[in-house]
Amino acid sequence: MIKNILFDMGGVVFRQNSEEAYRRFRQMGIDTDCYMGNYGQKDFFLDVETGAISATEFCRKMAKATGRKEISWEEARHCWLGFIRDVPVERLHCLLELKKDYHICLLSNTNPFIMDFTRSNQFSTDGKPITEYFHTLFCSYEMKAYKPNADIFLKALEADRMKAEETLFLDDSLKNINAAKALGIQGLHVAPDEDWTGILEERLQQNHL
């Protein structure tokens, strides 16, 4: 019986535009091939998403990598927000409905720059922050853990007293889904930016048969 549902963020909650993010970083002088990947970052880009360095330290390292005197917090934030193409409001409304019957959590590899936006009223066209749509937010940089490593899943389960077998995880990365399944968590792999509302509803209906 599924009681808890964990959602990835990029490519699942919001539709992603990686090329725009890469363009913005390249415009600042970053060689994106050195630091960025489809399902995870590298070097100090990874460090800010695992909580190993702060947002301020990220800006310092970004300035050094680009040969600039400094990179402001706002400039770095603008680059990171290139990843967000849009936030389909119908998905958010689905989350609100699911919250009535399930324990709904975000489980995302993310950073302070993106979360600053999502935790603001600018996040949705309804004028609500992301906190309105989930019971709990599990963010990699705050948990100091990173998918697909097992510890991020185990920390989330322990924090909200969730049982693995009663938990379903949605992600657009098959590697992350397989990591969750290895721990006994149920998985639902969705294609990047796919509208998952219908297939999730089918899965939950099967859960009640």
N, C-alpha and C. Protein backbone atom coordinates (compact mmCIF):
# COMPACT_ATOMS: atom_id res chain seq x y z
N MET A 1 0.84 -1.20 0.00
CA MET A 1 0.00 0.00 0.00
C MET A 1 0.88 1.25 0.00
N ILE A 2 0.71 2.08 -0.99
CA ILE A 2 1.49 3.32 -1.07
C ILE A 2 0.87 4.37 -0.17
N LYS A 3 1.71 4.92 0.70
CA LYS A 3 1.27 5.99 1.60
C LYS A 3 2.05 7.28 1.38
N ASN A 4 3.23 7.14 0.79
CA ASN A 4 4.12 8.29 0.60
C ASN A 4 4.54 8.37 -0.86
N ILE A 5 4.64 9.59 -1.39
CA ILE A 5 5.11 9.76 -2.77
C ILE A 5 6.21 10.82 -2.78
N LEU A 6 7.37 10.43 -3.31
CA LEU A 6 8.51 11.33 -3.44
C LEU A 6 8.64 11.77 -4.89
N PHE A 7 8.86 13.06 -5.09
CA PHE A 7 8.97 13.60 -6.44
C PHE A 7 10.33 14.26 -6.65
N ASP A 8 10.97 13.93 -7.77
CA ASP A 8 12.09 14.71 -8.25
C ASP A 8 11.53 16.07 -8.68
N MET A 9 12.42 17.07 -8.85
CA MET A 9 11.95 18.40 -9.22
C MET A 9 12.18 18.72 -10.69
N GLY A 10 13.43 18.85 -11.12
CA GLY A 10 13.72 19.20 -12.51
C GLY A 10 13.31 18.12 -13.48
N GLY A 11 12.47 18.46 -14.46
CA GLY A 11 11.98 17.48 -15.42
C GLY A 11 10.75 16.74 -14.94
N VAL A 12 10.36 16.98 -13.67
CA VAL A 12 9.17 16.32 -13.11
C VAL A 12 8.19 17.37 -12.60
N VAL A 13 8.59 18.16 -11.61
CA VAL A 13 7.72 19.23 -11.12
C VAL A 13 7.74 20.40 -12.10
N PHE A 14 8.95 20.85 -12.44
CA PHE A 14 9.02 21.88 -13.48
C PHE A 14 9.64 21.31 -14.75
N ARG A 15 9.25 21.89 -15.89
CA ARG A 15 9.84 21.49 -17.16
C ARG A 15 11.18 22.19 -17.31
N GLN A 16 12.14 21.44 -17.81
CA GLN A 16 13.53 21.87 -17.76
C GLN A 16 14.01 22.40 -19.12
N ASN A 17 14.97 23.33 -19.04
CA ASN A 17 15.59 23.88 -20.25
C ASN A 17 17.10 23.94 -20.02
N SER A 18 17.73 22.78 -20.07
CA SER A 18 19.16 22.70 -19.78
C SER A 18 19.98 23.57 -20.72
N GLU A 19 19.61 23.62 -21.98
CA GLU A 19 20.39 24.40 -22.94
C GLU A 19 20.41 25.88 -22.60
N GLU A 20 19.30 26.38 -22.09
CA GLU A 20 19.27 27.79 -21.70
C GLU A 20 20.19 28.04 -20.50
N ALA A 21 20.18 27.10 -19.55
CA ALA A 21 21.09 27.24 -18.41
C ALA A 21 22.54 27.20 -18.88
N TYR A 22 22.86 26.25 -19.76
CA TYR A 22 24.23 26.16 -20.28
C TYR A 22 24.61 27.45 -21.00
N ARG A 23 23.67 28.00 -21.77
CA ARG A 23 23.94 29.23 -22.52
C ARG A 23 24.28 30.37 -21.57
N ARG A 24 23.50 30.48 -20.48
CA ARG A 24 23.74 31.56 -19.52
C ARG A 24 25.08 31.39 -18.81
N PHE A 25 25.42 30.17 -18.45
CA PHE A 25 26.72 29.94 -17.80
C PHE A 25 27.87 30.19 -18.78
N ARG A 26 27.70 29.74 -20.02
CA ARG A 26 28.75 29.98 -21.02
C ARG A 26 28.94 31.48 -21.27
N GLN A 27 27.84 32.21 -21.24
CA GLN A 27 27.89 33.65 -21.43
C GLN A 27 28.71 34.33 -20.32
N MET A 28 28.70 33.71 -19.15
CA MET A 28 29.49 34.23 -18.03
C MET A 28 30.94 33.77 -18.08
N GLY A 29 31.24 32.82 -19.00
CA GLY A 29 32.61 32.36 -19.15
C GLY A 29 32.88 30.97 -18.62
N ILE A 30 31.83 30.24 -18.27
CA ILE A 30 31.97 28.88 -17.73
C ILE A 30 32.01 27.86 -18.88
N ASP A 31 32.96 26.94 -18.82
CA ASP A 31 33.00 25.81 -19.74
C ASP A 31 32.05 24.75 -19.18
N THR A 32 30.85 24.71 -19.68
CA THR A 32 29.83 23.84 -19.10
C THR A 32 30.17 22.36 -19.21
N ASP A 33 30.97 21.98 -20.20
CA ASP A 33 31.36 20.58 -20.33
C ASP A 33 32.17 20.11 -19.13
N CYS A 34 32.85 21.02 -18.47
CA CYS A 34 33.69 20.67 -17.33
C CYS A 34 32.89 20.51 -16.04
N TYR A 35 31.75 21.17 -15.97
CA TYR A 35 31.07 21.26 -14.69
C TYR A 35 29.64 20.72 -14.64
N MET A 36 29.03 20.49 -15.78
CA MET A 36 27.60 20.20 -15.77
C MET A 36 27.25 18.95 -16.57
N GLY A 37 26.25 18.19 -16.07
CA GLY A 37 25.80 16.99 -16.75
C GLY A 37 24.29 16.92 -16.75
N ASN A 38 23.73 15.99 -17.51
CA ASN A 38 22.27 15.89 -17.63
C ASN A 38 21.59 15.56 -16.30
N TYR A 39 22.21 14.70 -15.50
CA TYR A 39 21.56 14.28 -14.26
C TYR A 39 22.42 14.54 -13.03
N GLY A 40 23.40 15.44 -13.15
CA GLY A 40 24.24 15.75 -12.00
C GLY A 40 25.36 16.67 -12.39
N GLN A 41 25.90 17.37 -11.40
CA GLN A 41 26.95 18.35 -11.65
C GLN A 41 28.32 17.79 -11.25
N LYS A 42 29.37 18.57 -11.54
CA LYS A 42 30.74 18.16 -11.25
C LYS A 42 31.50 19.31 -10.58
N ASP A 43 32.57 18.95 -9.88
CA ASP A 43 33.47 19.93 -9.27
C ASP A 43 32.70 20.84 -8.31
N PHE A 44 32.94 22.17 -8.34
CA PHE A 44 32.28 23.04 -7.37
C PHE A 44 30.79 23.20 -7.66
N PHE A 45 30.35 22.86 -8.88
CA PHE A 45 28.91 22.83 -9.17
C PHE A 45 28.25 21.70 -8.38
N LEU A 46 28.94 20.58 -8.27
CA LEU A 46 28.46 19.48 -7.43
C LEU A 46 28.54 19.85 -5.96
N ASP A 47 29.62 20.53 -5.58
CA ASP A 47 29.82 20.89 -4.17
C ASP A 47 28.69 21.74 -3.62
N VAL A 48 28.18 22.68 -4.42
CA VAL A 48 27.09 23.53 -3.92
C VAL A 48 25.79 22.74 -3.81
N GLU A 49 25.64 21.68 -4.61
CA GLU A 49 24.42 20.87 -4.55
C GLU A 49 24.48 19.79 -3.48
N THR A 50 25.67 19.49 -2.99
CA THR A 50 25.80 18.53 -1.88
C THR A 50 25.96 19.25 -0.54
N GLY A 51 25.99 20.59 -0.59
CA GLY A 51 26.15 21.34 0.65
C GLY A 51 27.58 21.41 1.14
N ALA A 52 28.54 20.98 0.31
CA ALA A 52 29.95 21.03 0.70
C ALA A 52 30.47 22.47 0.73
N ILE A 53 29.87 23.33 -0.11
CA ILE A 53 30.21 24.76 -0.08
C ILE A 53 28.92 25.56 -0.07
N SER A 54 29.01 26.81 0.38
CA SER A 54 27.85 27.69 0.44
C SER A 54 27.62 28.36 -0.92
N ALA A 55 26.49 29.04 -1.05
CA ALA A 55 26.21 29.80 -2.26
C ALA A 55 27.25 30.90 -2.46
N THR A 56 27.68 31.51 -1.37
CA THR A 56 28.69 32.57 -1.44
C THR A 56 30.01 32.02 -1.96
N GLU A 57 30.40 30.85 -1.46
CA GLU A 57 31.64 30.23 -1.92
C GLU A 57 31.52 29.80 -3.37
N PHE A 58 30.34 29.36 -3.78
CA PHE A 58 30.12 29.02 -5.19
C PHE A 58 30.39 30.23 -6.07
N CYS A 59 29.88 31.39 -5.67
CA CYS A 59 30.09 32.61 -6.45
C CYS A 59 31.57 32.94 -6.56
N ARG A 60 32.32 32.75 -5.47
CA ARG A 60 33.76 33.00 -5.50
C ARG A 60 34.46 32.05 -6.47
N LYS A 61 34.10 30.78 -6.41
CA LYS A 61 34.73 29.79 -7.29
C LYS A 61 34.33 30.02 -8.75
N MET A 62 33.09 30.44 -8.96
CA MET A 62 32.65 30.73 -10.32
C MET A 62 33.42 31.93 -10.89
N ALA A 63 33.65 32.93 -10.05
CA ALA A 63 34.43 34.10 -10.48
C ALA A 63 35.86 33.68 -10.87
N LYS A 64 36.45 32.82 -10.05
CA LYS A 64 37.81 32.34 -10.33
C LYS A 64 37.85 31.55 -11.64
N ALA A 65 36.84 30.70 -11.85
CA ALA A 65 36.79 29.86 -13.06
C ALA A 65 36.58 30.68 -14.32
N THR A 66 35.96 31.84 -14.19
CA THR A 66 35.68 32.68 -15.36
C THR A 66 36.69 33.81 -15.53
N GLY A 67 37.61 33.93 -14.57
CA GLY A 67 38.60 35.00 -14.65
C GLY A 67 38.03 36.37 -14.33
N ARG A 68 36.88 36.39 -13.68
CA ARG A 68 36.27 37.66 -13.31
C ARG A 68 36.66 38.03 -11.88
N LYS A 69 36.55 39.31 -11.59
CA LYS A 69 36.87 39.77 -10.24
C LYS A 69 35.86 39.24 -9.24
N GLU A 70 34.59 39.27 -9.63
CA GLU A 70 33.54 38.71 -8.78
C GLU A 70 32.32 38.34 -9.61
N ILE A 71 31.54 37.42 -9.06
CA ILE A 71 30.24 37.04 -9.61
C ILE A 71 29.24 37.28 -8.49
N SER A 72 28.22 38.06 -8.77
CA SER A 72 27.24 38.35 -7.72
C SER A 72 26.30 37.16 -7.52
N TRP A 73 25.66 37.14 -6.37
CA TRP A 73 24.67 36.11 -6.07
C TRP A 73 23.56 36.15 -7.12
N GLU A 74 23.14 37.35 -7.50
CA GLU A 74 22.06 37.51 -8.49
C GLU A 74 22.48 36.98 -9.86
N GLU A 75 23.75 37.19 -10.24
CA GLU A 75 24.22 36.68 -11.53
C GLU A 75 24.24 35.16 -11.54
N ALA A 76 24.71 34.56 -10.47
CA ALA A 76 24.72 33.10 -10.38
C ALA A 76 23.30 32.55 -10.39
N ARG A 77 22.42 33.19 -9.65
CA ARG A 77 21.02 32.77 -9.60
C ARG A 77 20.39 32.82 -10.99
N HIS A 78 20.66 33.89 -11.74
CA HIS A 78 20.12 34.02 -13.09
C HIS A 78 20.56 32.85 -13.97
N CYS A 79 21.81 32.46 -13.84
CA CYS A 79 22.31 31.32 -14.62
C CYS A 79 21.59 30.03 -14.25
N TRP A 80 21.49 29.76 -12.95
CA TRP A 80 20.84 28.52 -12.51
C TRP A 80 19.36 28.47 -12.92
N LEU A 81 18.69 29.62 -12.88
CA LEU A 81 17.26 29.63 -13.20
C LEU A 81 16.99 29.39 -14.68
N GLY A 82 18.05 29.39 -15.48
CA GLY A 82 17.88 29.00 -16.88
C GLY A 82 17.36 27.57 -17.01
N PHE A 83 17.57 26.76 -15.98
CA PHE A 83 17.09 25.37 -16.02
C PHE A 83 15.56 25.29 -16.02
N ILE A 84 14.89 26.31 -15.51
CA ILE A 84 13.43 26.25 -15.36
C ILE A 84 12.75 26.83 -16.59
N ARG A 85 12.18 25.96 -17.42
CA ARG A 85 11.44 26.43 -18.59
C ARG A 85 10.11 26.99 -18.15
N ASP A 86 9.34 26.19 -17.42
CA ASP A 86 8.07 26.64 -16.85
C ASP A 86 7.64 25.63 -15.79
N VAL A 87 6.62 26.02 -15.04
CA VAL A 87 6.08 25.16 -13.98
C VAL A 87 4.61 24.90 -14.32
N PRO A 88 4.30 23.76 -14.93
CA PRO A 88 2.91 23.49 -15.33
C PRO A 88 1.97 23.49 -14.13
N VAL A 89 1.03 24.39 -14.15
CA VAL A 89 0.17 24.56 -12.98
C VAL A 89 -0.72 23.34 -12.75
N GLU A 90 -1.03 22.59 -13.82
CA GLU A 90 -1.86 21.40 -13.63
C GLU A 90 -1.14 20.34 -12.80
N ARG A 91 0.18 20.30 -12.89
CA ARG A 91 0.94 19.37 -12.05
C ARG A 91 0.86 19.79 -10.58
N LEU A 92 0.93 21.09 -10.37
CA LEU A 92 0.85 21.60 -8.99
C LEU A 92 -0.53 21.32 -8.40
N HIS A 93 -1.56 21.48 -9.20
CA HIS A 93 -2.91 21.19 -8.72
C HIS A 93 -3.06 19.70 -8.41
N CYS A 94 -2.39 18.86 -9.21
CA CYS A 94 -2.40 17.42 -8.93
C CYS A 94 -1.73 17.14 -7.59
N LEU A 95 -0.63 17.83 -7.30
CA LEU A 95 0.06 17.65 -6.02
C LEU A 95 -0.85 18.02 -4.85
N LEU A 96 -1.62 19.11 -5.01
CA LEU A 96 -2.53 19.52 -3.94
C LEU A 96 -3.59 18.47 -3.68
N GLU A 97 -4.07 17.83 -4.76
CA GLU A 97 -5.07 16.77 -4.59
C GLU A 97 -4.44 15.55 -3.90
N LEU A 98 -3.21 15.22 -4.32
CA LEU A 98 -2.53 14.07 -3.73
C LEU A 98 -2.25 14.29 -2.24
N LYS A 99 -1.99 15.53 -1.87
CA LYS A 99 -1.69 15.84 -0.46
C LYS A 99 -2.83 15.47 0.48
N LYS A 100 -4.03 15.39 -0.07
CA LYS A 100 -5.19 15.07 0.77
C LYS A 100 -5.16 13.61 1.25
N ASP A 101 -4.54 12.74 0.45
CA ASP A 101 -4.57 11.31 0.75
C ASP A 101 -3.21 10.67 0.98
N TYR A 102 -2.14 11.38 0.59
CA TYR A 102 -0.79 10.82 0.68
C TYR A 102 0.16 11.82 1.34
N HIS A 103 1.27 11.28 1.83
CA HIS A 103 2.35 12.12 2.34
C HIS A 103 3.24 12.45 1.14
N ILE A 104 3.29 13.72 0.76
CA ILE A 104 3.93 14.14 -0.49
C ILE A 104 5.23 14.89 -0.18
N CYS A 105 6.33 14.42 -0.79
CA CYS A 105 7.64 15.03 -0.52
C CYS A 105 8.38 15.32 -1.82
N LEU A 106 9.18 16.37 -1.79
CA LEU A 106 10.14 16.63 -2.86
C LEU A 106 11.45 15.96 -2.48
N LEU A 107 12.12 15.35 -3.43
CA LEU A 107 13.45 14.76 -3.19
C LEU A 107 14.32 15.13 -4.39
N SER A 108 15.15 16.16 -4.22
CA SER A 108 15.79 16.75 -5.38
C SER A 108 17.27 17.05 -5.16
N ASN A 109 18.07 16.78 -6.20
CA ASN A 109 19.43 17.32 -6.26
C ASN A 109 19.30 18.77 -6.71
N THR A 110 19.57 19.69 -5.81
CA THR A 110 19.33 21.09 -6.13
C THR A 110 20.26 21.97 -5.31
N ASN A 111 20.05 23.29 -5.38
CA ASN A 111 20.98 24.23 -4.76
C ASN A 111 20.24 25.45 -4.23
N PRO A 112 20.92 26.30 -3.45
CA PRO A 112 20.25 27.46 -2.85
C PRO A 112 19.70 28.45 -3.86
N PHE A 113 20.29 28.55 -5.03
CA PHE A 113 19.85 29.52 -6.03
C PHE A 113 18.48 29.15 -6.60
N ILE A 114 18.34 27.88 -6.98
CA ILE A 114 17.05 27.42 -7.52
C ILE A 114 15.99 27.41 -6.43
N MET A 115 16.35 26.99 -5.23
CA MET A 115 15.36 26.92 -4.16
C MET A 115 14.93 28.30 -3.68
N ASP A 116 15.77 29.29 -3.83
CA ASP A 116 15.36 30.65 -3.49
C ASP A 116 14.16 31.06 -4.35
N PHE A 117 14.21 30.70 -5.62
CA PHE A 117 13.09 31.00 -6.51
C PHE A 117 11.88 30.14 -6.18
N THR A 118 12.07 28.82 -6.02
CA THR A 118 10.92 27.94 -5.83
C THR A 118 10.22 28.20 -4.50
N ARG A 119 10.97 28.69 -3.51
CA ARG A 119 10.36 28.99 -2.21
C ARG A 119 9.71 30.38 -2.17
N SER A 120 9.71 31.06 -3.30
CA SER A 120 9.07 32.38 -3.38
C SER A 120 7.70 32.26 -4.03
N ASN A 121 6.91 33.34 -3.94
CA ASN A 121 5.58 33.34 -4.54
C ASN A 121 5.63 33.40 -6.06
N GLN A 122 6.81 33.59 -6.63
CA GLN A 122 6.98 33.60 -8.08
C GLN A 122 6.96 32.19 -8.67
N PHE A 123 7.07 31.19 -7.81
CA PHE A 123 7.20 29.81 -8.28
C PHE A 123 6.03 29.38 -9.15
N SER A 124 4.80 29.68 -8.73
CA SER A 124 3.64 29.22 -9.47
C SER A 124 2.78 30.39 -9.92
N THR A 125 2.02 30.15 -10.99
CA THR A 125 1.10 31.19 -11.47
C THR A 125 -0.03 31.42 -10.47
N ASP A 126 -0.16 30.52 -9.50
CA ASP A 126 -1.13 30.71 -8.43
C ASP A 126 -0.59 31.61 -7.33
N GLY A 127 0.68 32.03 -7.48
CA GLY A 127 1.29 32.91 -6.49
C GLY A 127 1.65 32.22 -5.19
N LYS A 128 1.94 30.90 -5.28
CA LYS A 128 2.27 30.13 -4.09
C LYS A 128 3.68 29.57 -4.20
N PRO A 129 4.41 29.49 -3.09
CA PRO A 129 5.73 28.86 -3.10
C PRO A 129 5.62 27.35 -3.16
N ILE A 130 6.71 26.69 -3.43
CA ILE A 130 6.73 25.23 -3.56
C ILE A 130 6.34 24.54 -2.25
N THR A 131 6.57 25.22 -1.13
CA THR A 131 6.22 24.63 0.17
C THR A 131 4.73 24.36 0.32
N GLU A 132 3.90 25.03 -0.49
CA GLU A 132 2.45 24.82 -0.42
C GLU A 132 2.04 23.48 -1.01
N TYR A 133 2.90 22.91 -1.82
CA TYR A 133 2.51 21.72 -2.59
C TYR A 133 3.07 20.42 -2.02
N PHE A 134 3.95 20.52 -1.05
CA PHE A 134 4.58 19.33 -0.45
C PHE A 134 4.50 19.40 1.07
N HIS A 135 4.44 18.23 1.69
CA HIS A 135 4.55 18.18 3.15
C HIS A 135 5.98 18.44 3.60
N THR A 136 6.95 17.89 2.83
CA THR A 136 8.36 18.02 3.20
C THR A 136 9.19 18.23 1.94
N LEU A 137 10.22 19.08 2.05
CA LEU A 137 11.19 19.28 0.97
C LEU A 137 12.51 18.65 1.39
N PHE A 138 12.97 17.68 0.64
CA PHE A 138 14.28 17.08 0.86
C PHE A 138 15.22 17.57 -0.25
N CYS A 139 16.08 18.51 0.09
CA CYS A 139 16.98 19.14 -0.88
C CYS A 139 18.40 18.66 -0.62
N SER A 140 19.09 18.26 -1.67
CA SER A 140 20.41 17.65 -1.53
C SER A 140 21.39 18.53 -0.74
N TYR A 141 21.40 19.83 -1.02
CA TYR A 141 22.39 20.69 -0.36
C TYR A 141 22.10 20.87 1.12
N GLU A 142 20.84 20.74 1.51
CA GLU A 142 20.48 20.83 2.93
C GLU A 142 20.70 19.51 3.65
N MET A 143 20.53 18.41 2.94
CA MET A 143 20.71 17.08 3.53
C MET A 143 22.15 16.60 3.46
N LYS A 144 22.95 17.31 2.65
CA LYS A 144 24.34 16.90 2.42
C LYS A 144 24.39 15.46 1.91
N ALA A 145 23.52 15.19 0.96
CA ALA A 145 23.41 13.87 0.33
C ALA A 145 22.88 14.09 -1.08
N TYR A 146 23.19 13.15 -1.98
CA TYR A 146 22.96 13.39 -3.41
C TYR A 146 22.52 12.12 -4.11
N LYS A 147 21.44 12.21 -4.86
CA LYS A 147 21.03 11.06 -5.67
C LYS A 147 22.09 10.77 -6.74
N PRO A 148 22.37 9.51 -7.05
CA PRO A 148 21.64 8.30 -6.65
C PRO A 148 22.20 7.61 -5.40
N ASN A 149 23.00 8.30 -4.61
CA ASN A 149 23.55 7.67 -3.40
C ASN A 149 22.43 7.28 -2.43
N ALA A 150 22.60 6.15 -1.80
CA ALA A 150 21.55 5.61 -0.94
C ALA A 150 21.22 6.51 0.24
N ASP A 151 22.21 7.27 0.73
CA ASP A 151 22.00 8.00 1.98
C ASP A 151 20.90 9.06 1.87
N ILE A 152 20.69 9.67 0.70
CA ILE A 152 19.63 10.68 0.59
C ILE A 152 18.25 10.04 0.76
N PHE A 153 18.08 8.84 0.23
CA PHE A 153 16.81 8.14 0.39
C PHE A 153 16.61 7.69 1.84
N LEU A 154 17.67 7.15 2.42
CA LEU A 154 17.58 6.66 3.80
C LEU A 154 17.32 7.79 4.78
N LYS A 155 17.96 8.94 4.56
CA LYS A 155 17.74 10.10 5.43
C LYS A 155 16.30 10.60 5.32
N ALA A 156 15.77 10.60 4.10
CA ALA A 156 14.38 11.05 3.90
C ALA A 156 13.40 10.10 4.58
N LEU A 157 13.60 8.81 4.39
CA LEU A 157 12.72 7.83 5.02
C LEU A 157 12.73 7.97 6.54
N GLU A 158 13.93 8.12 7.10
CA GLU A 158 14.05 8.24 8.55
C GLU A 158 13.44 9.53 9.06
N ALA A 159 13.68 10.63 8.36
CA ALA A 159 13.21 11.94 8.83
C ALA A 159 11.69 12.00 8.94
N ASP A 160 10.99 11.41 7.97
CA ASP A 160 9.53 11.46 7.98
C ASP A 160 8.89 10.13 8.37
N ARG A 161 9.71 9.24 8.92
CA ARG A 161 9.22 7.94 9.42
C ARG A 161 8.40 7.21 8.36
N MET A 162 8.97 7.17 7.16
CA MET A 162 8.31 6.47 6.05
C MET A 162 8.92 5.08 5.88
N LYS A 163 8.09 4.11 5.56
CA LYS A 163 8.57 2.78 5.25
C LYS A 163 8.84 2.70 3.75
N ALA A 164 9.95 2.08 3.39
CA ALA A 164 10.35 2.01 1.99
C ALA A 164 9.27 1.37 1.12
N GLU A 165 8.71 0.28 1.60
CA GLU A 165 7.73 -0.47 0.79
C GLU A 165 6.41 0.29 0.63
N GLU A 166 6.19 1.31 1.46
CA GLU A 166 4.98 2.12 1.36
C GLU A 166 5.23 3.44 0.62
N THR A 167 6.39 3.53 -0.02
CA THR A 167 6.82 4.79 -0.64
C THR A 167 7.05 4.60 -2.14
N LEU A 168 6.53 5.54 -2.92
CA LEU A 168 6.71 5.56 -4.37
C LEU A 168 7.55 6.78 -4.74
N PHE A 169 8.52 6.60 -5.64
CA PHE A 169 9.44 7.66 -6.04
C PHE A 169 9.34 7.90 -7.54
N LEU A 170 9.10 9.16 -7.94
CA LEU A 170 9.05 9.55 -9.35
C LEU A 170 10.31 10.33 -9.71
N ASP A 171 10.96 9.93 -10.80
CA ASP A 171 12.16 10.63 -11.25
C ASP A 171 12.32 10.41 -12.74
N ASP A 172 12.98 11.37 -13.42
CA ASP A 172 13.24 11.18 -14.85
C ASP A 172 14.58 10.53 -15.11
N SER A 173 15.32 10.20 -14.05
CA SER A 173 16.59 9.49 -14.18
C SER A 173 16.40 8.03 -13.78
N LEU A 174 16.64 7.12 -14.71
CA LEU A 174 16.51 5.70 -14.41
C LEU A 174 17.52 5.25 -13.37
N LYS A 175 18.69 5.87 -13.37
CA LYS A 175 19.72 5.54 -12.37
C LYS A 175 19.20 5.83 -10.95
N ASN A 176 18.51 6.95 -10.79
CA ASN A 176 17.96 7.30 -9.48
C ASN A 176 16.82 6.36 -9.08
N ILE A 177 16.01 6.00 -10.05
CA ILE A 177 14.91 5.06 -9.79
C ILE A 177 15.46 3.72 -9.32
N ASN A 178 16.49 3.23 -10.02
CA ASN A 178 17.07 1.94 -9.65
C ASN A 178 17.73 1.99 -8.27
N ALA A 179 18.31 3.12 -7.93
CA ALA A 179 18.92 3.28 -6.59
C ALA A 179 17.84 3.20 -5.51
N ALA A 180 16.69 3.81 -5.77
CA ALA A 180 15.59 3.76 -4.81
C ALA A 180 15.04 2.34 -4.69
N LYS A 181 14.88 1.68 -5.83
CA LYS A 181 14.35 0.32 -5.81
C LYS A 181 15.26 -0.63 -5.04
N ALA A 182 16.56 -0.40 -5.11
CA ALA A 182 17.51 -1.25 -4.39
C ALA A 182 17.30 -1.18 -2.89
N LEU A 183 16.65 -0.12 -2.42
CA LEU A 183 16.37 0.07 -1.00
C LEU A 183 14.96 -0.37 -0.63
N GLY A 184 14.22 -0.90 -1.62
CA GLY A 184 12.87 -1.36 -1.36
C GLY A 184 11.79 -0.33 -1.63
N ILE A 185 12.20 0.85 -2.12
CA ILE A 185 11.25 1.89 -2.48
C ILE A 185 10.68 1.57 -3.86
N GLN A 186 9.39 1.78 -4.05
CA GLN A 186 8.78 1.58 -5.36
C GLN A 186 9.17 2.74 -6.27
N GLY A 187 9.34 2.46 -7.55
CA GLY A 187 9.78 3.49 -8.49
C GLY A 187 8.85 3.67 -9.66
N LEU A 188 8.75 4.91 -10.14
CA LEU A 188 8.00 5.21 -11.35
C LEU A 188 8.86 6.14 -12.19
N HIS A 189 9.45 5.56 -13.25
CA HIS A 189 10.32 6.35 -14.12
C HIS A 189 9.48 7.09 -15.15
N VAL A 190 9.69 8.40 -15.27
CA VAL A 190 8.97 9.20 -16.26
C VAL A 190 10.00 9.85 -17.19
N ALA A 191 9.64 10.00 -18.45
CA ALA A 191 10.52 10.67 -19.39
C ALA A 191 10.66 12.13 -18.98
N PRO A 192 11.82 12.74 -19.24
CA PRO A 192 12.00 14.15 -18.87
C PRO A 192 10.89 15.03 -19.43
N ASP A 193 10.28 15.82 -18.53
CA ASP A 193 9.22 16.78 -18.87
C ASP A 193 7.90 16.13 -19.27
N GLU A 194 7.80 14.81 -19.14
CA GLU A 194 6.55 14.11 -19.46
C GLU A 194 5.46 14.50 -18.47
N ASP A 195 4.22 14.60 -18.96
CA ASP A 195 3.08 14.80 -18.07
C ASP A 195 2.79 13.46 -17.38
N TRP A 196 3.15 13.40 -16.11
CA TRP A 196 3.07 12.13 -15.37
C TRP A 196 1.74 11.95 -14.64
N THR A 197 0.86 12.93 -14.70
CA THR A 197 -0.34 12.88 -13.87
C THR A 197 -1.20 11.65 -14.17
N GLY A 198 -1.32 11.30 -15.46
CA GLY A 198 -2.15 10.16 -15.83
C GLY A 198 -1.56 8.82 -15.41
N ILE A 199 -0.25 8.65 -15.66
CA ILE A 199 0.37 7.36 -15.32
C ILE A 199 0.49 7.19 -13.81
N LEU A 200 0.62 8.29 -13.09
CA LEU A 200 0.64 8.19 -11.62
C LEU A 200 -0.73 7.80 -11.10
N GLU A 201 -1.77 8.37 -11.68
CA GLU A 201 -3.12 8.02 -11.26
C GLU A 201 -3.39 6.53 -11.49
N GLU A 202 -2.95 6.01 -12.63
CA GLU A 202 -3.12 4.58 -12.93
C GLU A 202 -2.38 3.73 -11.90
N ARG A 203 -1.16 4.15 -11.57
CA ARG A 203 -0.35 3.39 -10.60
C ARG A 203 -1.02 3.38 -9.23
N LEU A 204 -1.58 4.49 -8.84
CA LEU A 204 -2.23 4.57 -7.52
C LEU A 204 -3.52 3.80 -7.50
N GLN A 205 -4.23 3.75 -8.63
CA GLN A 205 -5.45 2.94 -8.72
C GLN A 205 -5.13 1.46 -8.55
N GLN A 206 -4.04 1.02 -9.17
CA GLN A 206 -3.57 -0.37 -9.01
C GLN A 206 -3.25 -0.66 -7.54
N ASN A 207 -2.77 0.36 -6.87
CA ASN A 207 -2.39 0.24 -5.46
C ASN A 207 -3.59 -0.12 -4.59
N HIS A 208 -4.78 0.28 -5.03
CA HIS A 208 -5.99 0.06 -4.22
C HIS A 208 -6.76 -1.19 -4.64
N LEU A 209 -6.28 -1.88 -5.68
CA LEU A 209 -6.98 -3.09 -6.12
C LEU A 209 -6.75 -4.25 -5.15
